[in-house]
Structures are given as C-alpha cells and as structure tokens.
Full PDB file with SEQRES, HELIX, SHEET, SSBOND, CRYST1, ORIGX, SCALE, CONECT and MASTER records, all heavy atoms in Angstrom:
SEQRES   1 A   34  GLY LYS ILE ARG ILE PHE SER LEU HIS THR GLY LYS THR          
SEQRES   2 A   34  VAL ALA VAL LEU ALA GLY HIS LEU ARG TYR ILE THR SER          
SEQRES   3 A   34  LEU ASN PHE THR LEU ASP GLY THR                              
SHEET    1 AA1 2 LYS A   2  PHE A   6  0                                        
SHEET    2 AA1 2 THR A  13  ALA A  18 -1                                        
CRYST1    1.000    1.000    1.000  90.00  90.00  90.00 P 1           1          
ORIGX1      1.000000  0.000000  0.000000        0.00000                         
ORIGX2      0.000000  1.000000  0.000000        0.00000                         
ORIGX3      0.000000  0.000000  1.000000        0.00000                         
SCALE1      1.000000  0.000000  0.000000        0.00000                         
SCALE2      0.000000  1.000000  0.000000        0.00000                         
SCALE3      0.000000  0.000000  1.000000        0.00000                         
ATOM      1  N   GLY A   1       0.786  -1.228  -0.059  1.00  0.00           N  
ATOM      2  CA  GLY A   1       0.004  -0.003   0.019  1.00  0.00           C  
ATOM      3  C   GLY A   1       0.797   1.262   0.001  1.00  0.00           C  
ATOM      4  O   GLY A   1       0.283   2.381   0.048  1.00  0.00           O  
ATOM      5  N   LYS A   2       2.157   1.226  -0.008  1.00  0.00           N  
ATOM      6  CA  LYS A   2       2.989   2.407   0.006  1.00  0.00           C  
ATOM      7  C   LYS A   2       3.848   2.465  -1.230  1.00  0.00           C  
ATOM      8  O   LYS A   2       4.399   1.475  -1.650  1.00  0.00           O  
ATOM      9  CB  LYS A   2       3.833   2.376   1.264  1.00  0.00           C  
ATOM     10  CG  LYS A   2       4.650   3.627   1.488  1.00  0.00           C  
ATOM     11  CD  LYS A   2       5.523   3.526   2.646  1.00  0.00           C  
ATOM     12  CE  LYS A   2       4.903   3.722   3.958  1.00  0.00           C  
ATOM     13  NZ  LYS A   2       5.866   3.734   5.112  1.00  0.00           N  
ATOM     14  N   ILE A   3       3.975   3.719  -1.799  1.00  0.00           N  
ATOM     15  CA  ILE A   3       4.781   3.972  -2.978  1.00  0.00           C  
ATOM     16  C   ILE A   3       5.843   4.935  -2.591  1.00  0.00           C  
ATOM     17  O   ILE A   3       5.615   5.947  -1.966  1.00  0.00           O  
ATOM     18  CB  ILE A   3       3.891   4.541  -4.061  1.00  0.00           C  
ATOM     19  CG1 ILE A   3       2.767   3.478  -4.408  1.00  0.00           C  
ATOM     20  CG2 ILE A   3       4.774   4.815  -5.335  1.00  0.00           C  
ATOM     21  CD1 ILE A   3       1.665   4.191  -5.216  1.00  0.00           C  
ATOM     22  N   ARG A   4       7.169   4.711  -3.017  1.00  0.00           N  
ATOM     23  CA  ARG A   4       8.227   5.676  -2.878  1.00  0.00           C  
ATOM     24  C   ARG A   4       8.559   6.188  -4.229  1.00  0.00           C  
ATOM     25  O   ARG A   4       8.765   5.400  -5.160  1.00  0.00           O  
ATOM     26  CB  ARG A   4       9.481   5.008  -2.168  1.00  0.00           C  
ATOM     27  CG  ARG A   4      10.535   6.045  -1.969  1.00  0.00           C  
ATOM     28  CD  ARG A   4      11.691   5.507  -1.136  1.00  0.00           C  
ATOM     29  NE  ARG A   4      11.200   5.155   0.205  1.00  0.00           N  
ATOM     30  CZ  ARG A   4      11.268   6.088   1.241  1.00  0.00           C  
ATOM     31  NH1 ARG A   4      11.742   7.276   1.079  1.00  0.00           N  
ATOM     32  NH2 ARG A   4      10.881   5.664   2.440  1.00  0.00           N  
ATOM     33  N   ILE A   5       8.695   7.480  -4.410  1.00  0.00           N  
ATOM     34  CA  ILE A   5       9.228   8.071  -5.664  1.00  0.00           C  
ATOM     35  C   ILE A   5      10.508   8.713  -5.287  1.00  0.00           C  
ATOM     36  O   ILE A   5      10.718   9.520  -4.251  1.00  0.00           O  
ATOM     37  CB  ILE A   5       8.205   9.140  -6.162  1.00  0.00           C  
ATOM     38  CG1 ILE A   5       6.821   8.543  -6.438  1.00  0.00           C  
ATOM     39  CG2 ILE A   5       8.780   9.847  -7.398  1.00  0.00           C  
ATOM     40  CD1 ILE A   5       5.764   9.531  -6.721  1.00  0.00           C  
ATOM     41  N   PHE A   6      11.566   8.386  -6.136  1.00  0.00           N  
ATOM     42  CA  PHE A   6      12.831   9.081  -5.903  1.00  0.00           C  
ATOM     43  C   PHE A   6      13.459   9.470  -7.204  1.00  0.00           C  
ATOM     44  O   PHE A   6      13.017   9.027  -8.247  1.00  0.00           O  
ATOM     45  CB  PHE A   6      13.820   8.181  -5.024  1.00  0.00           C  
ATOM     46  CG  PHE A   6      14.117   6.847  -5.677  1.00  0.00           C  
ATOM     47  CD1 PHE A   6      15.180   6.636  -6.467  1.00  0.00           C  
ATOM     48  CD2 PHE A   6      13.227   5.668  -5.435  1.00  0.00           C  
ATOM     49  CE1 PHE A   6      15.413   5.390  -7.052  1.00  0.00           C  
ATOM     50  CE2 PHE A   6      13.538   4.459  -5.943  1.00  0.00           C  
ATOM     51  CZ  PHE A   6      14.656   4.340  -6.779  1.00  0.00           C  
ATOM     52  N   SER A   7      14.346  10.435  -7.092  1.00  0.00           N  
ATOM     53  CA  SER A   7      15.062  10.886  -8.247  1.00  0.00           C  
ATOM     54  C   SER A   7      16.268  10.051  -8.602  1.00  0.00           C  
ATOM     55  O   SER A   7      17.100   9.685  -7.785  1.00  0.00           O  
ATOM     56  CB  SER A   7      15.577  12.292  -7.965  1.00  0.00           C  
ATOM     57  OG  SER A   7      16.546  12.724  -9.038  1.00  0.00           O  
ATOM     58  N   LEU A   8      16.356   9.586  -9.868  1.00  0.00           N  
ATOM     59  CA  LEU A   8      17.489   8.766 -10.286  1.00  0.00           C  
ATOM     60  C   LEU A   8      18.765   9.556 -10.318  1.00  0.00           C  
ATOM     61  O   LEU A   8      19.816   9.076 -10.194  1.00  0.00           O  
ATOM     62  CB  LEU A   8      17.161   8.153 -11.655  1.00  0.00           C  
ATOM     63  CG  LEU A   8      16.162   7.097 -11.574  1.00  0.00           C  
ATOM     64  CD1 LEU A   8      15.830   6.629 -13.092  1.00  0.00           C  
ATOM     65  CD2 LEU A   8      16.534   5.903 -10.866  1.00  0.00           C  
ATOM     66  N   HIS A   9      18.650  10.919 -10.511  1.00  0.00           N  
ATOM     67  CA  HIS A   9      19.811  11.724 -10.650  1.00  0.00           C  
ATOM     68  C   HIS A   9      20.440  12.068  -9.239  1.00  0.00           C  
ATOM     69  O   HIS A   9      21.630  12.105  -9.145  1.00  0.00           O  
ATOM     70  CB  HIS A   9      19.509  12.994 -11.460  1.00  0.00           C  
ATOM     71  CG  HIS A   9      19.209  12.664 -12.844  1.00  0.00           C  
ATOM     72  ND1 HIS A   9      17.940  12.670 -13.385  1.00  0.00           N  
ATOM     73  CD2 HIS A   9      20.110  12.393 -13.924  1.00  0.00           C  
ATOM     74  CE1 HIS A   9      18.020  12.328 -14.684  1.00  0.00           C  
ATOM     75  NE2 HIS A   9      19.209  12.111 -14.969  1.00  0.00           N  
ATOM     76  N   THR A  10      19.577  12.274  -8.247  1.00  0.00           N  
ATOM     77  CA  THR A  10      20.104  12.628  -6.974  1.00  0.00           C  
ATOM     78  C   THR A  10      20.056  11.498  -5.967  1.00  0.00           C  
ATOM     79  O   THR A  10      20.769  11.523  -4.953  1.00  0.00           O  
ATOM     80  CB  THR A  10      19.284  13.845  -6.344  1.00  0.00           C  
ATOM     81  OG1 THR A  10      18.002  13.353  -6.075  1.00  0.00           O  
ATOM     82  CG2 THR A  10      19.373  14.986  -7.244  1.00  0.00           C  
ATOM     83  N   GLY A  11      19.233  10.529  -6.232  1.00  0.00           N  
ATOM     84  CA  GLY A  11      19.011   9.381  -5.247  1.00  0.00           C  
ATOM     85  C   GLY A  11      18.161   9.699  -4.137  1.00  0.00           C  
ATOM     86  O   GLY A  11      17.881   8.931  -3.262  1.00  0.00           O  
ATOM     87  N   LYS A  12      17.635  11.020  -4.100  1.00  0.00           N  
ATOM     88  CA  LYS A  12      16.840  11.426  -2.947  1.00  0.00           C  
ATOM     89  C   LYS A  12      15.349  11.134  -3.176  1.00  0.00           C  
ATOM     90  O   LYS A  12      14.832  11.094  -4.268  1.00  0.00           O  
ATOM     91  CB  LYS A  12      16.981  12.950  -2.725  1.00  0.00           C  
ATOM     92  CG  LYS A  12      18.295  13.338  -2.313  1.00  0.00           C  
ATOM     93  CD  LYS A  12      18.465  14.725  -2.000  1.00  0.00           C  
ATOM     94  CE  LYS A  12      19.843  15.107  -1.583  1.00  0.00           C  
ATOM     95  NZ  LYS A  12      20.020  16.465  -1.156  1.00  0.00           N  
ATOM     96  N   THR A  13      14.713  10.810  -2.032  1.00  0.00           N  
ATOM     97  CA  THR A  13      13.211  10.576  -2.007  1.00  0.00           C  
ATOM     98  C   THR A  13      12.549  11.808  -2.316  1.00  0.00           C  
ATOM     99  O   THR A  13      12.787  12.911  -1.756  1.00  0.00           O  
ATOM    100  CB  THR A  13      12.837  10.054  -0.696  1.00  0.00           C  
ATOM    101  OG1 THR A  13      13.409   8.766  -0.490  1.00  0.00           O  
ATOM    102  CG2 THR A  13      11.280   9.843  -0.628  1.00  0.00           C  
ATOM    103  N   VAL A  14      11.597  11.784  -3.307  1.00  0.00           N  
ATOM    104  CA  VAL A  14      10.753  13.019  -3.722  1.00  0.00           C  
ATOM    105  C   VAL A  14       9.462  12.912  -2.901  1.00  0.00           C  
ATOM    106  O   VAL A  14       8.932  13.977  -2.509  1.00  0.00           O  
ATOM    107  CB  VAL A  14      10.527  13.010  -5.243  1.00  0.00           C  
ATOM    108  CG1 VAL A  14       9.550  14.037  -5.650  1.00  0.00           C  
ATOM    109  CG2 VAL A  14      11.883  13.109  -5.953  1.00  0.00           C  
ATOM    110  N   ALA A  15       8.902  11.695  -2.736  1.00  0.00           N  
ATOM    111  CA  ALA A  15       7.583  11.546  -2.098  1.00  0.00           C  
ATOM    112  C   ALA A  15       7.471  10.122  -1.629  1.00  0.00           C  
ATOM    113  O   ALA A  15       7.950   9.227  -2.227  1.00  0.00           O  
ATOM    114  CB  ALA A  15       6.487  11.924  -3.033  1.00  0.00           C  
ATOM    115  N   VAL A  16       6.687   9.950  -0.545  1.00  0.00           N  
ATOM    116  CA  VAL A  16       6.155   8.702  -0.173  1.00  0.00           C  
ATOM    117  C   VAL A  16       4.711   8.762  -0.039  1.00  0.00           C  
ATOM    118  O   VAL A  16       4.133   9.603   0.604  1.00  0.00           O  
ATOM    119  CB  VAL A  16       6.850   8.284   1.251  1.00  0.00           C  
ATOM    120  CG1 VAL A  16       6.239   6.936   1.721  1.00  0.00           C  
ATOM    121  CG2 VAL A  16       8.253   8.212   1.273  1.00  0.00           C  
ATOM    122  N   LEU A  17       4.039   7.889  -0.806  1.00  0.00           N  
ATOM    123  CA  LEU A  17       2.643   7.923  -0.921  1.00  0.00           C  
ATOM    124  C   LEU A  17       1.925   6.702  -0.288  1.00  0.00           C  
ATOM    125  O   LEU A  17       2.392   5.566  -0.591  1.00  0.00           O  
ATOM    126  CB  LEU A  17       2.281   7.913  -2.429  1.00  0.00           C  
ATOM    127  CG  LEU A  17       2.934   8.999  -3.260  1.00  0.00           C  
ATOM    128  CD1 LEU A  17       2.671   8.759  -4.795  1.00  0.00           C  
ATOM    129  CD2 LEU A  17       2.584  10.424  -2.827  1.00  0.00           C  
ATOM    130  N   ALA A  18       0.967   6.902   0.515  1.00  0.00           N  
ATOM    131  CA  ALA A  18       0.305   5.837   1.198  1.00  0.00           C  
ATOM    132  C   ALA A  18      -1.208   6.065   1.083  1.00  0.00           C  
ATOM    133  O   ALA A  18      -1.635   7.157   1.168  1.00  0.00           O  
ATOM    134  CB  ALA A  18       0.686   5.740   2.651  1.00  0.00           C  
ATOM    135  N   GLY A  19      -1.928   4.963   0.920  1.00  0.00           N  
ATOM    136  CA  GLY A  19      -3.376   5.114   0.769  1.00  0.00           C  
ATOM    137  C   GLY A  19      -4.037   3.853   0.390  1.00  0.00           C  
ATOM    138  O   GLY A  19      -5.207   3.592   0.726  1.00  0.00           O  
ATOM    139  N   HIS A  20      -3.339   3.021  -0.354  1.00  0.00           N  
ATOM    140  CA  HIS A  20      -3.990   1.727  -0.777  1.00  0.00           C  
ATOM    141  C   HIS A  20      -3.903   0.801   0.425  1.00  0.00           C  
ATOM    142  O   HIS A  20      -2.965   0.909   1.264  1.00  0.00           O  
ATOM    143  CB  HIS A  20      -3.151   1.145  -1.942  1.00  0.00           C  
ATOM    144  CG  HIS A  20      -3.327   1.860  -3.252  1.00  0.00           C  
ATOM    145  ND1 HIS A  20      -4.520   1.883  -3.904  1.00  0.00           N  
ATOM    146  CD2 HIS A  20      -2.467   2.551  -4.020  1.00  0.00           C  
ATOM    147  CE1 HIS A  20      -4.405   2.592  -5.046  1.00  0.00           C  
ATOM    148  NE2 HIS A  20      -3.127   2.975  -5.113  1.00  0.00           N  
ATOM    149  N   LEU A  21      -4.827  -0.133   0.453  1.00  0.00           N  
ATOM    150  CA  LEU A  21      -4.884  -1.116   1.568  1.00  0.00           C  
ATOM    151  C   LEU A  21      -4.282  -2.416   1.333  1.00  0.00           C  
ATOM    152  O   LEU A  21      -3.994  -3.183   2.218  1.00  0.00           O  
ATOM    153  CB  LEU A  21      -6.311  -1.374   2.007  1.00  0.00           C  
ATOM    154  CG  LEU A  21      -7.141  -0.069   2.437  1.00  0.00           C  
ATOM    155  CD1 LEU A  21      -8.584  -0.401   2.686  1.00  0.00           C  
ATOM    156  CD2 LEU A  21      -6.464   0.598   3.535  1.00  0.00           C  
ATOM    157  N   ARG A  22      -3.954  -2.683   0.019  1.00  0.00           N  
ATOM    158  CA  ARG A  22      -3.254  -3.939  -0.352  1.00  0.00           C  
ATOM    159  C   ARG A  22      -2.114  -3.548  -1.294  1.00  0.00           C  
ATOM    160  O   ARG A  22      -1.803  -2.501  -1.559  1.00  0.00           O  
ATOM    161  CB  ARG A  22      -4.301  -4.888  -0.974  1.00  0.00           C  
ATOM    162  CG  ARG A  22      -5.438  -5.231   0.020  1.00  0.00           C  
ATOM    163  CD  ARG A  22      -6.240  -6.442  -0.236  1.00  0.00           C  
ATOM    164  NE  ARG A  22      -5.466  -7.613  -0.461  1.00  0.00           N  
ATOM    165  CZ  ARG A  22      -5.936  -8.564  -1.247  1.00  0.00           C  
ATOM    166  NH1 ARG A  22      -7.012  -8.583  -1.903  1.00  0.00           N  
ATOM    167  NH2 ARG A  22      -5.107  -9.647  -1.398  1.00  0.00           N  
ATOM    168  N   TYR A  23      -1.555  -4.633  -1.868  1.00  0.00           N  
ATOM    169  CA  TYR A  23      -0.358  -4.474  -2.684  1.00  0.00           C  
ATOM    170  C   TYR A  23      -0.729  -3.708  -4.006  1.00  0.00           C  
ATOM    171  O   TYR A  23      -1.815  -3.675  -4.398  1.00  0.00           O  
ATOM    172  CB  TYR A  23       0.401  -5.740  -2.981  1.00  0.00           C  
ATOM    173  CG  TYR A  23      -0.437  -6.801  -3.722  1.00  0.00           C  
ATOM    174  CD1 TYR A  23      -0.506  -6.803  -5.107  1.00  0.00           C  
ATOM    175  CD2 TYR A  23      -1.143  -7.716  -3.020  1.00  0.00           C  
ATOM    176  CE1 TYR A  23      -1.289  -7.764  -5.699  1.00  0.00           C  
ATOM    177  CE2 TYR A  23      -1.906  -8.676  -3.612  1.00  0.00           C  
ATOM    178  CZ  TYR A  23      -1.956  -8.693  -5.007  1.00  0.00           C  
ATOM    179  OH  TYR A  23      -2.786  -9.669  -5.649  1.00  0.00           O  
ATOM    180  N   ILE A  24       0.277  -2.979  -4.537  1.00  0.00           N  
ATOM    181  CA  ILE A  24       0.128  -2.162  -5.675  1.00  0.00           C  
ATOM    182  C   ILE A  24       0.161  -3.135  -6.917  1.00  0.00           C  
ATOM    183  O   ILE A  24       1.081  -3.942  -7.017  1.00  0.00           O  
ATOM    184  CB  ILE A  24       1.186  -1.100  -5.785  1.00  0.00           C  
ATOM    185  CG1 ILE A  24       1.301  -0.295  -4.545  1.00  0.00           C  
ATOM    186  CG2 ILE A  24       1.073  -0.198  -7.074  1.00  0.00           C  
ATOM    187  CD1 ILE A  24       0.123   0.484  -4.103  1.00  0.00           C  
ATOM    188  N   THR A  25      -0.718  -2.952  -7.879  1.00  0.00           N  
ATOM    189  CA  THR A  25      -0.799  -3.739  -9.057  1.00  0.00           C  
ATOM    190  C   THR A  25      -0.189  -3.098 -10.271  1.00  0.00           C  
ATOM    191  O   THR A  25       0.287  -3.740 -11.166  1.00  0.00           O  
ATOM    192  CB  THR A  25      -2.218  -4.266  -9.377  1.00  0.00           C  
ATOM    193  OG1 THR A  25      -3.019  -3.172  -9.419  1.00  0.00           O  
ATOM    194  CG2 THR A  25      -2.635  -5.219  -8.172  1.00  0.00           C  
ATOM    195  N   SER A  26      -0.315  -1.731 -10.359  1.00  0.00           N  
ATOM    196  CA  SER A  26       0.339  -1.024 -11.447  1.00  0.00           C  
ATOM    197  C   SER A  26       0.623   0.440 -11.046  1.00  0.00           C  
ATOM    198  O   SER A  26      -0.025   0.983 -10.142  1.00  0.00           O  
ATOM    199  CB  SER A  26      -0.606  -1.069 -12.673  1.00  0.00           C  
ATOM    200  OG  SER A  26      -1.735  -0.281 -12.443  1.00  0.00           O  
ATOM    201  N   LEU A  27       1.686   0.875 -11.745  1.00  0.00           N  
ATOM    202  CA  LEU A  27       2.096   2.258 -11.559  1.00  0.00           C  
ATOM    203  C   LEU A  27       2.356   2.862 -12.953  1.00  0.00           C  
ATOM    204  O   LEU A  27       3.030   2.273 -13.757  1.00  0.00           O  
ATOM    205  CB  LEU A  27       3.351   2.435 -10.728  1.00  0.00           C  
ATOM    206  CG  LEU A  27       3.284   1.956  -9.315  1.00  0.00           C  
ATOM    207  CD1 LEU A  27       4.733   1.811  -8.805  1.00  0.00           C  
ATOM    208  CD2 LEU A  27       2.472   3.019  -8.476  1.00  0.00           C  
ATOM    209  N   ASN A  28       1.858   4.105 -13.175  1.00  0.00           N  
ATOM    210  CA  ASN A  28       2.126   4.788 -14.504  1.00  0.00           C  
ATOM    211  C   ASN A  28       2.133   6.296 -14.230  1.00  0.00           C  
ATOM    212  O   ASN A  28       1.243   6.813 -13.545  1.00  0.00           O  
ATOM    213  CB  ASN A  28       1.073   4.481 -15.495  1.00  0.00           C  
ATOM    214  CG  ASN A  28       1.268   3.014 -16.101  1.00  0.00           C  
ATOM    215  OD1 ASN A  28       2.163   2.778 -16.661  1.00  0.00           O  
ATOM    216  ND2 ASN A  28       0.315   2.209 -15.697  1.00  0.00           N  
ATOM    217  N   PHE A  29       3.072   6.993 -14.883  1.00  0.00           N  
ATOM    218  CA  PHE A  29       3.185   8.437 -14.875  1.00  0.00           C  
ATOM    219  C   PHE A  29       2.292   8.888 -16.054  1.00  0.00           C  
ATOM    220  O   PHE A  29       2.288   8.191 -17.148  1.00  0.00           O  
ATOM    221  CB  PHE A  29       4.567   8.978 -15.027  1.00  0.00           C  
ATOM    222  CG  PHE A  29       5.293   8.949 -13.755  1.00  0.00           C  
ATOM    223  CD1 PHE A  29       6.117   7.899 -13.449  1.00  0.00           C  
ATOM    224  CD2 PHE A  29       5.281   9.992 -12.849  1.00  0.00           C  
ATOM    225  CE1 PHE A  29       6.901   7.832 -12.278  1.00  0.00           C  
ATOM    226  CE2 PHE A  29       6.008   9.981 -11.634  1.00  0.00           C  
ATOM    227  CZ  PHE A  29       6.750   8.883 -11.365  1.00  0.00           C  
ATOM    228  N   THR A  30       1.624  10.072 -15.947  1.00  0.00           N  
ATOM    229  CA  THR A  30       1.042  10.696 -17.111  1.00  0.00           C  
ATOM    230  C   THR A  30       2.136  11.142 -18.055  1.00  0.00           C  
ATOM    231  O   THR A  30       3.308  11.366 -17.622  1.00  0.00           O  
ATOM    232  CB  THR A  30       0.140  11.810 -16.752  1.00  0.00           C  
ATOM    233  OG1 THR A  30       0.800  12.760 -15.975  1.00  0.00           O  
ATOM    234  CG2 THR A  30      -1.130  11.299 -15.905  1.00  0.00           C  
ATOM    235  N   LEU A  31       1.820  11.446 -19.305  1.00  0.00           N  
ATOM    236  CA  LEU A  31       2.821  11.917 -20.286  1.00  0.00           C  
ATOM    237  C   LEU A  31       3.474  13.164 -19.879  1.00  0.00           C  
ATOM    238  O   LEU A  31       4.669  13.458 -20.209  1.00  0.00           O  
ATOM    239  CB  LEU A  31       2.199  11.992 -21.634  1.00  0.00           C  
ATOM    240  CG  LEU A  31       1.704  10.723 -22.321  1.00  0.00           C  
ATOM    241  CD1 LEU A  31       1.019  10.990 -23.670  1.00  0.00           C  
ATOM    242  CD2 LEU A  31       2.958   9.764 -22.537  1.00  0.00           C  
ATOM    243  N   ASP A  32       2.822  14.031 -19.164  1.00  0.00           N  
ATOM    244  CA  ASP A  32       3.421  15.292 -18.704  1.00  0.00           C  
ATOM    245  C   ASP A  32       4.129  15.165 -17.405  1.00  0.00           C  
ATOM    246  O   ASP A  32       4.849  16.097 -16.953  1.00  0.00           O  
ATOM    247  CB  ASP A  32       2.409  16.467 -18.684  1.00  0.00           C  
ATOM    248  CG  ASP A  32       1.288  16.258 -17.626  1.00  0.00           C  
ATOM    249  OD1 ASP A  32       1.447  15.236 -16.912  1.00  0.00           O  
ATOM    250  OD2 ASP A  32       0.426  17.187 -17.583  1.00  0.00           O  
ATOM    251  N   GLY A  33       4.146  13.989 -16.821  1.00  0.00           N  
ATOM    252  CA  GLY A  33       4.885  13.751 -15.488  1.00  0.00           C  
ATOM    253  C   GLY A  33       4.321  14.406 -14.320  1.00  0.00           C  
ATOM    254  O   GLY A  33       4.927  14.361 -13.253  1.00  0.00           O  
ATOM    255  N   THR A  34       3.168  14.998 -14.371  1.00  0.00           N  
ATOM    256  CA  THR A  34       2.590  15.670 -13.260  1.00  0.00           C  
ATOM    257  C   THR A  34       1.687  14.817 -12.402  1.00  0.00           C  
ATOM    258  O   THR A  34       1.385  15.208 -11.266  1.00  0.00           O  
ATOM    259  CB  THR A  34       1.724  16.908 -13.691  1.00  0.00           C  
ATOM    260  OG1 THR A  34       0.606  16.473 -14.509  1.00  0.00           O  
ATOM    261  CG2 THR A  34       2.604  17.906 -14.459  1.00  0.00           C  
TER     262      THR A  34                                                      
MASTER        0    0    0    0    2    0    0    6  261    1    0    3          
END                                                                             
C-alpha cells in the first residue's frame, strides 16, 4: 500500500505515498509527468 518516488539523478526521495490497503498492481506516470 505504500509507494516511494525518488530521483534517479540525486538518489533522494521525492515523495512517499500511502493510501492503498493492499499491494500495488500497477504504476504509471502521465505523459506530462505531473
């Protein structure tokens, strides 16, 4: 239920997202990355 987003260039965590109650089945960014 928790997602971590980090920068590949800096290695730093950008965000930790929590809200799902079970495991994540898919992740996708929109084309504009927002």
